[in-house]
Protein backbone atom coordinates (compact mmCIF):
# COMPACT_ATOMS: atom_id res chain seq x y z
CA MET A 1 -9.17 -10.85 64.70
CA THR A 2 -6.09 -11.51 66.24
CA ILE A 3 -3.55 -14.10 64.76
CA LYS A 4 -1.67 -16.22 67.55
CA LEU A 5 1.29 -17.93 66.41
CA SER A 6 2.69 -21.09 68.10
CA PRO A 7 6.17 -20.44 69.72
CA ARG A 8 7.71 -23.11 67.10
CA LEU A 9 6.20 -21.25 64.10
CA VAL A 10 7.53 -18.25 65.73
CA LEU A 11 11.45 -19.97 66.03
CA LEU A 12 10.96 -21.00 62.30
CA LEU A 13 10.19 -17.57 60.95
CA LEU A 14 13.09 -15.92 63.05
CA ALA A 15 15.57 -18.39 61.78
CA LEU A 16 14.24 -17.93 57.94
CA LEU A 17 14.74 -13.82 58.57
CA LEU A 18 18.39 -14.62 59.99
CA LEU A 19 19.33 -16.94 57.02
CA LEU A 20 18.49 -14.43 54.56
CA LEU A 21 19.91 -11.16 56.57
CA GLY A 22 23.20 -13.67 56.19
CA LEU A 23 22.66 -14.59 52.50
CA SER A 24 22.62 -10.82 51.70
CA GLN A 25 26.18 -10.73 52.59
CA PHE A 26 27.23 -12.77 49.70
CA ALA A 27 25.32 -11.28 47.26
CA PRO A 28 26.52 -11.79 43.99
CA LYS A 29 29.06 -9.20 41.86
CA ALA A 30 27.96 -7.75 39.25
CA THR A 31 28.81 -9.40 35.73
CA LEU A 32 29.90 -7.25 32.53
CA SER A 33 31.18 -8.48 28.95
CA PHE A 34 32.87 -6.18 26.93
CA VAL A 35 33.89 -7.16 23.47
CA GLY A 36 37.47 -9.31 22.79
CA GLN A 37 36.82 -10.48 26.69
CA PRO A 38 35.23 -13.13 28.37
CA SER A 39 32.61 -11.90 30.83
CA GLN A 40 34.60 -10.09 34.09
CA THR A 41 32.78 -10.10 37.34
CA PHE A 42 33.47 -6.54 39.05
CA SER A 43 33.16 -5.18 42.57
CA ARG A 44 30.56 -2.17 43.16
CA HIS A 45 33.91 -0.29 44.42
CA TYR A 46 35.41 -0.91 40.88
CA LEU A 47 31.79 0.07 39.22
CA ALA A 48 31.07 3.23 41.54
CA ARG A 49 35.10 4.47 40.69
CA LYS A 50 34.38 3.52 37.12
CA ALA A 51 31.29 6.03 37.07
CA LEU A 52 32.52 8.51 38.66
CA PHE A 53 35.63 8.76 36.38
CA ASP A 54 32.86 8.57 33.29
CA GLN A 55 31.11 11.26 34.79
CA ALA A 56 34.36 13.11 35.60
CA ARG A 57 36.01 13.72 32.16
CA GLU A 58 38.00 16.43 33.38
CA GLN A 59 40.98 17.33 31.50
CA SER A 60 44.60 17.03 32.95
CA THR A 61 47.99 17.21 32.21
CA VAL A 62 49.43 14.20 33.92
CA ALA A 63 47.17 10.87 34.48
CA PHE A 64 47.92 7.81 37.18
CA VAL A 65 46.38 4.87 36.34
CA GLY A 66 46.39 1.34 38.26
CA ASP A 67 45.11 -0.27 41.29
CA SER A 68 44.91 0.27 45.10
CA LEU A 69 48.45 1.88 45.18
CA THR A 70 47.69 4.47 42.65
CA GLU A 71 44.46 4.99 43.95
CA GLY A 72 45.65 5.55 47.35
CA MET A 73 48.08 8.26 46.39
CA PRO A 74 46.70 12.22 46.65
CA TRP A 75 48.44 12.97 43.12
CA GLN A 76 47.17 16.53 43.09
CA GLN A 77 48.91 17.29 46.68
CA ILE A 78 52.25 15.81 45.84
CA LEU A 79 52.55 17.67 42.32
CA PRO A 80 50.04 21.02 43.00
CA ASN A 81 51.66 22.72 40.17
CA THR A 82 50.55 19.91 37.85
CA THR A 83 46.90 19.02 36.99
CA THR A 84 46.49 15.45 37.75
CA ALA A 85 43.89 12.44 37.30
CA ASN A 86 43.55 9.58 39.67
CA ARG A 87 42.77 6.46 37.65
CA GLY A 88 43.39 4.19 40.36
CA ILE A 89 40.95 1.39 41.54
CA ASN A 90 41.54 -1.00 44.47
CA GLY A 91 41.94 -4.41 43.11
CA ASP A 92 41.68 -4.00 39.92
CA THR A 93 43.35 -5.98 37.25
CA LEU A 94 44.57 -5.68 33.44
CA PRO A 95 41.24 -6.86 31.73
CA GLY A 96 39.40 -4.31 34.76
CA LEU A 97 41.66 -1.31 32.95
CA GLN A 98 40.78 -2.59 29.60
CA ASN A 99 37.26 -1.87 30.44
CA ARG A 100 37.70 1.26 31.54
CA LEU A 101 40.12 3.03 29.21
CA ASP A 102 37.66 5.59 27.79
CA SER A 103 37.93 7.41 31.29
CA VAL A 104 41.87 7.59 30.36
CA PHE A 105 41.28 9.04 27.00
CA ALA A 106 39.18 11.59 28.32
CA THR A 107 41.86 13.07 30.32
CA GLU A 108 43.44 14.09 27.44
CA ALA A 109 46.30 14.03 29.39
CA ARG A 110 50.07 14.51 28.17
CA CYS A 111 51.75 11.95 29.95
CA VAL A 112 49.97 8.70 31.35
CA LEU A 113 51.65 6.63 34.18
CA VAL A 114 50.25 3.48 34.57
CA MET A 115 51.15 0.60 37.31
CA MET A 116 49.54 -2.46 37.10
CA GLY A 117 49.94 -6.25 37.34
CA ILE A 118 50.09 -7.49 40.87
CA ASN A 119 46.63 -8.26 41.34
CA ASP A 120 46.49 -10.62 37.92
CA LEU A 121 49.48 -12.11 39.31
CA MET A 122 48.17 -12.87 42.81
CA GLN A 123 44.76 -13.99 41.38
CA GLY A 124 46.87 -16.93 39.53
CA GLU A 125 47.01 -15.57 35.95
CA SER A 126 50.33 -16.27 34.37
CA VAL A 127 53.37 -13.96 33.39
CA LYS A 128 52.80 -14.73 29.88
CA GLN A 129 49.04 -13.30 29.50
CA THR A 130 49.57 -10.65 31.99
CA LEU A 131 52.39 -9.55 29.38
CA ALA A 132 49.59 -9.87 26.83
CA SER A 133 47.36 -8.14 28.54
CA TYR A 134 49.79 -5.63 29.17
CA ARG A 135 50.49 -4.74 25.34
CA ASP A 136 46.93 -4.44 24.52
CA VAL A 137 46.43 -1.70 27.11
CA ILE A 138 50.07 0.08 26.54
CA SER A 139 50.07 -0.33 22.74
CA THR A 140 46.20 1.49 23.05
CA LEU A 141 47.45 4.05 25.37
CA ALA A 142 50.43 4.91 23.29
CA ARG A 143 48.03 5.57 20.06
CA ARG A 144 46.02 8.42 22.09
CA HIS A 145 48.27 9.96 24.30
CA PRO A 146 51.91 11.63 23.44
CA ARG A 147 53.92 10.22 26.48
CA ILE A 148 53.40 6.56 28.64
CA VAL A 149 55.33 5.77 31.38
CA ILE A 150 55.17 2.39 32.66
CA GLN A 151 56.05 1.88 36.28
CA SER A 152 57.52 -1.37 37.10
CA THR A 153 55.06 -3.76 39.25
CA LEU A 154 56.52 -3.53 43.11
CA LEU A 155 57.88 -6.57 45.06
CA THR A 156 56.17 -7.67 47.76
CA THR A 157 57.59 -9.43 50.37
CA ASN A 158 56.39 -12.87 49.70
CA ASP A 159 59.45 -14.32 47.54
CA GLN A 160 57.35 -16.87 45.75
CA LEU A 161 54.90 -13.77 43.99
CA ASN A 162 58.38 -11.84 43.40
CA GLN A 163 59.73 -14.51 40.95
CA LEU A 164 56.77 -13.22 39.35
CA VAL A 165 56.84 -10.12 39.72
CA VAL A 166 60.71 -9.87 38.34
CA GLU A 167 59.85 -11.54 35.40
CA LEU A 168 57.03 -9.20 34.73
CA ASN A 169 59.07 -6.30 34.90
CA GLU A 170 61.65 -8.11 32.65
CA GLY A 171 58.85 -8.15 30.27
CA LEU A 172 57.53 -4.65 30.83
CA ARG A 173 61.18 -3.39 30.36
CA GLN A 174 61.05 -5.02 27.16
CA LEU A 175 57.48 -3.77 26.09
CA ALA A 176 58.71 -0.23 26.48
CA SER A 177 61.28 -0.57 24.28
CA GLU A 178 59.29 -0.94 21.03
CA PHE A 179 57.54 2.21 21.31
CA SER A 180 58.66 5.44 20.70
CA ASN A 181 56.79 7.38 23.11
CA VAL A 182 56.81 4.85 26.07
CA GLU A 183 59.41 4.53 28.60
CA PHE A 184 59.56 2.20 31.69
CA ILE A 185 60.82 3.36 35.35
CA ASP A 186 61.89 0.70 37.96
CA LEU A 187 60.54 1.76 41.14
CA ASN A 188 62.52 -1.37 42.83
CA THR A 189 65.59 0.00 42.76
CA THR A 190 64.32 2.21 45.54
CA LEU A 191 61.51 0.72 47.14
CA GLY A 192 63.01 -2.93 46.85
CA GLU A 193 66.38 -4.40 48.40
CA ASN A 194 67.40 -7.94 47.76
CA HIS A 195 64.57 -8.97 45.42
CA ARG A 196 62.14 -7.95 48.20
CA LEU A 197 59.65 -4.80 49.06
CA ARG A 198 61.83 -2.92 52.07
CA THR A 199 59.76 -3.84 55.07
CA SER A 200 60.17 -0.19 56.22
CA TYR A 201 58.04 0.95 53.36
CA THR A 202 55.40 -1.49 53.79
CA MET A 203 52.52 -1.80 56.10
CA ASP A 204 51.54 -5.44 54.93
CA GLY A 205 53.63 -6.87 52.31
CA VAL A 206 52.41 -5.10 49.21
CA HIS A 207 50.63 -1.64 49.85
CA LEU A 208 53.36 1.06 51.23
CA THR A 209 53.36 3.50 54.13
CA ASN A 210 53.79 6.96 54.11
CA GLU A 211 57.37 6.73 53.84
CA GLY A 212 56.75 4.42 50.63
CA TYR A 213 54.65 6.57 48.99
CA SER A 214 57.24 9.40 49.50
CA VAL A 215 60.19 7.51 47.49
CA TRP A 216 57.74 6.84 44.71
CA GLN A 217 56.88 10.62 44.42
CA GLN A 218 61.02 11.61 44.35
CA GLN A 219 61.76 8.84 41.69
CA ILE A 220 58.87 9.93 39.39
CA GLU A 221 58.94 13.52 39.93
CA PRO A 222 61.81 14.09 37.26
CA VAL A 223 60.49 11.71 35.14
CA ILE A 224 57.29 13.62 34.62
CA THR A 225 59.11 16.80 34.20
CA LEU A 226 61.23 15.35 31.57
CA ALA A 227 58.05 13.89 29.82
CA LEU A 228 56.38 17.08 29.75
CA SER A 229 59.25 18.96 28.43
CA THR A 230 59.30 16.91 25.56
CA PRO A 231 57.31 17.86 22.30
């Protein structure tokens, strides 16, 4: 038996199909809750990276922890004589990092370098709350790893945002001084100029060019060497 559809019905079905296809682009992100924190919505990229970290469980000498700036750096290539773990996730915030600290612990790294905070500020979090979240992360890491290096949150080309970044870094410098095994390194002394990220080191006002990454590498290499030589 042949079913005949009127032209009007065909158009209605086609419109419904297109509507459904369009809505699929806006499917909700996964929402997870963890102890001591409100519900957090994580991107698929975050969940995929976290799952990869949880499965890897490789031991390393140095672990790099952060957001897209950290994820985008091929740490093992630039430090070929040191086993490294890249624990960077594009778009991550401090609550997101708190949710995945186990994957940092699992590396058993002797030195952990952390750079976070810019996404928190860009999403409207206050400097006070960002510092409070940072304190929770650092105090936890400092109990599990011999050396912790807080890398300054990088300046941007947005002057209004940079006011918050400068305030945050002042707080991070103070935070590091409260722990015997934590130090603060100000990357903005070389990557920044006049309280702004140098335009020659950035592709979009936030993320670094290859030249910017090279400057970052040169600044942290002696810090890592010293940290690993300290008993």
